[in-house]
């Protein structure tokens, strides 16, 4: 079975490539000769993931999945949330996003946060949704060099390390994306049996 992952994010692709079983062939957008960015203009994480999957499915008619992830900070009423990738502006990067978040939390004692991933799968014309959530807290400064995005300032509950201090193998067992992917993989095993 082949599934196209509707993302241009190389870091996400590498994470998912390590999680997905060998009997599922993981394809990318380049194989479809599609090199553009897919718009992310929806108001929710679920909306973005659904739009991306439907966009590629409607163009190419392939079995496809897409994800969207947001970091939701309790004291900021769930922000940056759906705007996590562009939190510091349209032309921003992870460093600027982290700086803005740390500045907003500078005098806040409540550091509770969660990462939320939604994966939307379109398989044989049907739409399925899978969710992964990891609760934790925002650190006061960056720790670790691995990972991407907000990983260096997010410490998952029950661990004394940020996501960026974990190896990809450990992160792939406990991350929000891994949890959502695990649900997708279980679903595929079920429908194939």
Protein backbone atom coordinates (compact mmCIF):
# COMPACT_ATOMS: atom_id res chain seq x y z
CA UNK A 1 0.00 0.00 0.00
CA UNK A 2 1.19 3.49 -0.81
CA UNK A 3 0.28 6.70 1.02
CA UNK A 4 1.35 10.19 0.02
CA UNK A 5 2.28 12.52 2.88
CA UNK A 6 1.03 15.99 1.94
CA UNK A 7 3.81 18.08 3.45
CA UNK A 8 6.92 19.92 2.32
CA UNK A 9 8.38 19.80 5.85
CA UNK A 10 11.47 17.57 5.65
CA UNK A 11 11.72 17.19 9.44
CA UNK A 12 8.15 15.90 9.68
CA UNK A 13 8.76 13.53 6.75
CA UNK A 14 11.86 12.08 8.43
CA UNK A 15 9.98 11.57 11.70
CA UNK A 16 7.09 9.82 9.98
CA UNK A 17 9.42 7.74 7.79
CA UNK A 18 10.94 6.28 10.96
CA UNK A 19 7.51 5.51 12.48
CA UNK A 20 5.64 4.04 9.52
CA UNK A 21 5.89 0.25 8.98
CA UNK A 22 7.76 -1.05 5.95
CA UNK A 23 4.60 -2.54 4.39
CA UNK A 24 3.28 1.00 3.89
CA UNK A 25 5.15 2.82 1.15
CA UNK A 26 5.51 6.47 2.10
CA UNK A 27 5.40 8.86 -0.84
CA UNK A 28 6.04 12.59 -1.02
CA UNK A 29 4.74 15.51 -3.02
CA UNK A 30 7.80 15.56 -5.31
CA UNK A 31 6.70 12.18 -6.70
CA UNK A 32 3.52 13.91 -7.88
CA UNK A 33 5.59 16.72 -9.44
CA UNK A 34 3.95 19.08 -6.95
CA UNK A 35 6.46 21.59 -5.59
CA UNK A 36 4.26 24.36 -4.21
CA UNK A 37 3.37 25.07 -0.59
CA UNK A 38 -0.17 24.04 0.32
CA UNK A 39 -2.01 26.98 1.91
CA UNK A 40 -2.70 26.85 5.65
CA UNK A 41 -5.43 29.46 6.05
CA UNK A 42 -7.98 27.59 8.15
CA UNK A 43 -9.00 28.69 11.65
CA UNK A 44 -8.29 25.33 13.33
CA UNK A 45 -5.60 22.65 13.34
CA UNK A 46 -8.26 20.17 12.16
CA UNK A 47 -9.23 22.54 9.33
CA UNK A 48 -5.66 22.90 8.08
CA UNK A 49 -5.00 19.15 8.10
CA UNK A 50 -8.28 18.48 6.29
CA UNK A 51 -7.67 21.20 3.70
CA UNK A 52 -4.17 19.90 2.88
CA UNK A 53 -5.33 16.29 2.47
CA UNK A 54 -8.34 17.28 0.37
CA UNK A 55 -6.24 19.66 -1.76
CA UNK A 56 -3.82 16.89 -2.81
CA UNK A 57 -6.55 14.25 -3.12
CA UNK A 58 -8.68 16.45 -5.39
CA UNK A 59 -5.66 17.23 -7.63
CA UNK A 60 -4.17 13.74 -7.90
CA UNK A 61 -6.80 11.24 -6.66
CA UNK A 62 -4.25 9.43 -4.46
CA UNK A 63 -4.54 7.94 -0.98
CA UNK A 64 -3.08 10.77 1.09
CA UNK A 65 -2.63 12.01 4.62
CA UNK A 66 -1.76 15.43 5.99
CA UNK A 67 -1.07 16.75 9.44
CA UNK A 68 -1.17 20.00 11.27
CA UNK A 69 0.30 20.65 14.68
CA UNK A 70 -0.10 23.42 17.18
CA UNK A 71 1.46 24.31 20.49
CA UNK A 72 -1.30 25.37 22.87
CA UNK A 73 -0.23 27.36 25.95
CA UNK A 74 -2.77 27.47 28.78
CA UNK A 75 -2.04 30.98 30.09
CA UNK A 76 -2.25 32.34 26.51
CA UNK A 77 -5.72 30.82 26.01
CA UNK A 78 -4.39 28.14 23.68
CA UNK A 79 -2.12 30.36 21.58
CA UNK A 80 -0.12 30.06 19.39
CA UNK A 81 -2.29 27.05 18.42
CA UNK A 82 -3.17 26.95 14.74
CA UNK A 83 -0.78 29.89 14.17
CA UNK A 84 2.24 28.12 15.72
CA UNK A 85 4.33 28.11 12.53
CA UNK A 86 3.69 31.80 11.88
CA UNK A 87 3.42 33.05 15.46
CA UNK A 88 5.99 35.83 15.02
CA UNK A 89 4.68 36.83 11.58
CA UNK A 90 4.46 35.46 8.06
CA UNK A 91 8.21 35.74 7.34
CA UNK A 92 9.25 34.29 10.70
CA UNK A 93 11.26 31.22 11.67
CA UNK A 94 11.38 28.89 14.69
CA UNK A 95 13.87 31.12 16.49
CA UNK A 96 11.63 34.20 16.21
CA UNK A 97 8.56 32.17 17.23
CA UNK A 98 10.35 30.92 20.36
CA UNK A 99 11.59 34.41 21.22
CA UNK A 100 8.06 35.80 20.99
CA UNK A 101 6.61 33.00 23.12
CA UNK A 102 9.28 33.28 25.82
CA UNK A 103 8.75 37.05 25.93
CA UNK A 104 4.99 36.61 26.40
CA UNK A 105 5.60 34.13 29.23
CA UNK A 106 8.41 36.11 30.87
CA UNK A 107 6.52 36.89 34.11
CA UNK A 108 4.11 33.94 34.03
CA UNK A 109 4.30 31.14 36.61
CA UNK A 110 1.81 28.96 34.75
CA UNK A 111 3.87 27.28 32.01
CA UNK A 112 1.40 24.48 31.17
CA UNK A 113 1.19 23.69 27.48
CA UNK A 114 0.38 20.89 25.10
CA UNK A 115 1.31 19.86 21.60
CA UNK A 116 -1.63 18.75 19.49
CA UNK A 117 -1.36 16.99 16.13
CA UNK A 118 -4.26 16.16 13.87
CA UNK A 119 -3.70 13.77 10.96
CA UNK A 120 -6.34 13.54 8.26
CA UNK A 121 -6.27 10.49 6.00
CA UNK A 122 -8.18 10.22 2.73
CA UNK A 123 -8.28 6.54 1.84
CA UNK A 124 -10.52 5.11 -0.88
CA UNK A 125 -12.51 8.36 -1.00
CA UNK A 126 -13.26 8.30 2.75
CA UNK A 127 -11.93 10.85 5.28
CA UNK A 128 -10.55 9.74 8.66
CA UNK A 129 -9.06 11.83 11.48
CA UNK A 130 -6.52 10.91 14.17
CA UNK A 131 -5.40 13.03 17.13
CA UNK A 132 -2.24 13.02 19.22
CA UNK A 133 -1.73 15.17 22.32
CA UNK A 134 1.27 15.51 24.65
CA UNK A 135 0.92 17.61 27.79
CA UNK A 136 3.90 19.39 29.28
CA UNK A 137 5.29 22.80 30.05
CA UNK A 138 7.27 25.62 28.48
CA UNK A 139 10.82 25.96 29.77
CA UNK A 140 12.35 29.33 30.64
CA UNK A 141 15.13 28.88 28.06
CA UNK A 142 16.09 26.63 25.17
CA UNK A 143 17.53 23.19 25.94
CA UNK A 144 18.84 20.68 23.41
CA UNK A 145 19.81 20.71 19.76
CA UNK A 146 17.59 17.97 18.27
CA UNK A 147 14.11 18.33 16.84
CA UNK A 148 12.60 21.44 15.28
CA UNK A 149 9.99 24.11 15.90
CA UNK A 150 9.33 24.62 19.61
CA UNK A 151 11.03 21.36 20.69
CA UNK A 152 13.85 23.11 22.59
CA UNK A 153 11.44 24.86 25.00
CA UNK A 154 8.82 22.12 25.46
CA UNK A 155 9.27 19.61 28.27
CA UNK A 156 6.79 16.73 28.09
CA UNK A 157 5.08 15.72 31.33
CA UNK A 158 6.97 13.02 33.24
CA UNK A 159 10.36 13.76 31.68
CA UNK A 160 13.17 16.07 32.77
CA UNK A 161 14.28 16.84 29.23
CA UNK A 162 12.93 18.97 26.42
CA UNK A 163 11.88 17.32 23.16
CA UNK A 164 15.11 18.74 21.67
CA UNK A 165 17.20 16.82 24.23
CA UNK A 166 15.67 13.49 23.23
CA UNK A 167 16.91 11.24 20.44
CA UNK A 168 14.55 10.96 17.48
CA UNK A 169 13.95 7.32 18.46
CA UNK A 170 12.66 8.30 21.92
CA UNK A 171 10.71 11.29 20.62
CA UNK A 172 9.07 9.04 18.03
CA UNK A 173 7.69 6.86 20.83
CA UNK A 174 6.08 9.64 22.86
CA UNK A 175 5.43 12.67 20.63
CA UNK A 176 2.05 14.06 19.60
CA UNK A 177 2.80 13.17 15.97
CA UNK A 178 3.83 9.64 16.94
CA UNK A 179 0.59 9.16 18.89
CA UNK A 180 -1.55 10.33 15.95
CA UNK A 181 0.52 8.24 13.48
CA UNK A 182 0.17 5.18 15.71
CA UNK A 183 -3.63 5.55 15.51
CA UNK A 184 -3.44 5.90 11.71
CA UNK A 185 -1.21 2.80 11.44
CA UNK A 186 -3.53 0.76 13.69
CA UNK A 187 -6.47 1.83 11.53
CA UNK A 188 -4.69 0.74 8.33
CA UNK A 189 -3.79 -2.64 9.88
CA UNK A 190 -7.45 -3.10 10.80
CA UNK A 191 -8.82 -2.35 7.34
CA UNK A 192 -6.18 -4.55 5.67
CA UNK A 193 -6.89 -7.59 7.87
